[in-house]
Amino acid sequence: MKRQTHTTHQEQEQTAALQQSAQQQTAVEFATAEEMIRHDAALTPVPPVVAGRLHESIAREPKPASARPWWQRWFVR
């Protein structure tokens, strides 16, 4: 006598979802290390503490003396 297994609709959906998520996780190949770093940076959130310290540091930087390009400051008077 063979034992028949009956799966519920919910179990079938869960199995299908697991198979689909496994198929979506594919390897990504990068041409350069810079591409890999940019990809990782896009997926990694910056901690709020670090973001706050960065904004404070940028605010403390001195403002540029003039909006003119460097070559105009040297050659045009």
C-alpha atoms as a PDB file:
ATOM      1  CA  MET A   1       0.000   0.000   0.000  1.00  0.00           C
ATOM      2  CA  LYS A   2       1.469   3.340  -1.068  1.00  0.00           C
ATOM      3  CA  ARG A   3       1.241   6.321   1.133  1.00  0.00           C
ATOM      4  CA  GLN A   4      -0.248   9.313  -0.634  1.00  0.00           C
ATOM      5  CA  THR A   5       0.821  12.750   0.442  1.00  0.00           C
ATOM      6  CA  HIS A   6      -1.512  15.631   0.040  1.00  0.00           C
ATOM      7  CA  THR A   7      -0.069  19.103   0.081  1.00  0.00           C
ATOM      8  CA  THR A   8      -2.206  22.058   0.787  1.00  0.00           C
ATOM      9  CA  HIS A   9      -2.433  25.055  -1.462  1.00  0.00           C
ATOM     10  CA  GLN A  10      -0.531  27.141   1.105  1.00  0.00           C
ATOM     11  CA  GLU A  11       2.351  24.651   1.194  1.00  0.00           C
ATOM     12  CA  GLN A  12       2.544  24.698  -2.593  1.00  0.00           C
ATOM     13  CA  GLU A  13       2.684  28.510  -2.600  1.00  0.00           C
ATOM     14  CA  GLN A  14       5.462  28.508   0.005  1.00  0.00           C
ATOM     15  CA  THR A  15       7.484  25.999  -2.008  1.00  0.00           C
ATOM     16  CA  ALA A  16       7.021  28.048  -5.178  1.00  0.00           C
ATOM     17  CA  ALA A  17       8.056  31.244  -3.364  1.00  0.00           C
ATOM     18  CA  LEU A  18      11.218  29.594  -2.019  1.00  0.00           C
ATOM     19  CA  GLN A  19      12.159  28.314  -5.454  1.00  0.00           C
ATOM     20  CA  GLN A  20      11.569  31.724  -7.005  1.00  0.00           C
ATOM     21  CA  SER A  21      13.691  33.536  -4.399  1.00  0.00           C
ATOM     22  CA  ALA A  22      16.512  31.049  -4.918  1.00  0.00           C
ATOM     23  CA  GLN A  23      16.424  31.706  -8.655  1.00  0.00           C
ATOM     24  CA  GLN A  24      16.498  35.490  -8.175  1.00  0.00           C
ATOM     25  CA  GLN A  25      19.755  35.391  -6.210  1.00  0.00           C
ATOM     26  CA  THR A  26      22.240  35.331  -9.047  1.00  0.00           C
ATOM     27  CA  ALA A  27      25.903  36.174  -9.043  1.00  0.00           C
ATOM     28  CA  VAL A  28      26.895  39.607 -10.283  1.00  0.00           C
ATOM     29  CA  GLU A  29      30.160  39.999 -12.160  1.00  0.00           C
ATOM     30  CA  PHE A  30      32.007  43.313 -12.115  1.00  0.00           C
ATOM     31  CA  ALA A  31      34.562  44.579 -14.609  1.00  0.00           C
ATOM     32  CA  THR A  32      36.422  46.691 -12.059  1.00  0.00           C
ATOM     33  CA  ALA A  33      36.778  46.923  -8.309  1.00  0.00           C
ATOM     34  CA  GLU A  34      35.248  50.405  -8.459  1.00  0.00           C
ATOM     35  CA  GLU A  35      32.019  48.987  -9.917  1.00  0.00           C
ATOM     36  CA  MET A  36      31.866  46.458  -7.098  1.00  0.00           C
ATOM     37  CA  ILE A  37      32.354  49.154  -4.455  1.00  0.00           C
ATOM     38  CA  ARG A  38      29.681  51.378  -6.020  1.00  0.00           C
ATOM     39  CA  HIS A  39      27.247  48.436  -6.158  1.00  0.00           C
ATOM     40  CA  ASP A  40      27.913  47.586  -2.520  1.00  0.00           C
ATOM     41  CA  ALA A  41      27.557  51.230  -1.471  1.00  0.00           C
ATOM     42  CA  ALA A  42      24.186  51.455  -3.197  1.00  0.00           C
ATOM     43  CA  LEU A  43      22.921  48.441  -1.233  1.00  0.00           C
ATOM     44  CA  THR A  44      24.444  49.336   2.141  1.00  0.00           C
ATOM     45  CA  PRO A  45      22.651  52.015   4.177  1.00  0.00           C
ATOM     46  CA  VAL A  46      24.795  54.613   5.946  1.00  0.00           C
ATOM     47  CA  PRO A  47      24.305  54.568   9.726  1.00  0.00           C
ATOM     48  CA  PRO A  48      22.602  57.766  10.976  1.00  0.00           C
ATOM     49  CA  VAL A  49      25.486  58.552  13.359  1.00  0.00           C
ATOM     50  CA  VAL A  50      28.006  58.472  10.510  1.00  0.00           C
ATOM     51  CA  ALA A  51      25.762  60.571   8.244  1.00  0.00           C
ATOM     52  CA  GLY A  52      25.369  63.194  10.977  1.00  0.00           C
ATOM     53  CA  ARG A  53      29.117  63.398  11.564  1.00  0.00           C
ATOM     54  CA  LEU A  54      29.701  63.765   7.833  1.00  0.00           C
ATOM     55  CA  HIS A  55      27.212  66.641   7.549  1.00  0.00           C
ATOM     56  CA  GLU A  56      28.814  68.398  10.519  1.00  0.00           C
ATOM     57  CA  SER A  57      32.262  68.012   8.994  1.00  0.00           C
ATOM     58  CA  ILE A  58      31.114  69.398   5.652  1.00  0.00           C
ATOM     59  CA  ALA A  59      29.480  72.370   7.394  1.00  0.00           C
ATOM     60  CA  ARG A  60      32.803  73.225   9.101  1.00  0.00           C
ATOM     61  CA  GLU A  61      34.693  73.332   5.792  1.00  0.00           C
ATOM     62  CA  PRO A  62      35.602  76.859   4.690  1.00  0.00           C
ATOM     63  CA  LYS A  63      33.541  78.279   1.863  1.00  0.00           C
ATOM     64  CA  PRO A  64      35.315  78.911  -1.454  1.00  0.00           C
ATOM     65  CA  ALA A  65      36.715  82.446  -1.738  1.00  0.00           C
ATOM     66  CA  SER A  66      35.217  83.101  -5.122  1.00  0.00           C
ATOM     67  CA  ALA A  67      32.988  81.426  -7.638  1.00  0.00           C
ATOM     68  CA  ARG A  68      35.305  82.293 -10.528  1.00  0.00           C
ATOM     69  CA  PRO A  69      37.385  79.516 -12.093  1.00  0.00           C
ATOM     70  CA  TRP A  70      41.044  79.325 -11.080  1.00  0.00           C
ATOM     71  CA  TRP A  71      42.304  80.389 -14.503  1.00  0.00           C
ATOM     72  CA  GLN A  72      40.286  83.625 -14.368  1.00  0.00           C
ATOM     73  CA  ARG A  73      41.698  84.462 -10.958  1.00  0.00           C
ATOM     74  CA  TRP A  74      45.251  83.985 -12.260  1.00  0.00           C
ATOM     75  CA  PHE A  75      45.049  85.589 -15.679  1.00  0.00           C
ATOM     76  CA  VAL A  76      42.252  88.168 -15.525  1.00  0.00           C
ATOM     77  CA  ARG A  77      42.557  91.175 -13.292  1.00  0.00           C
END
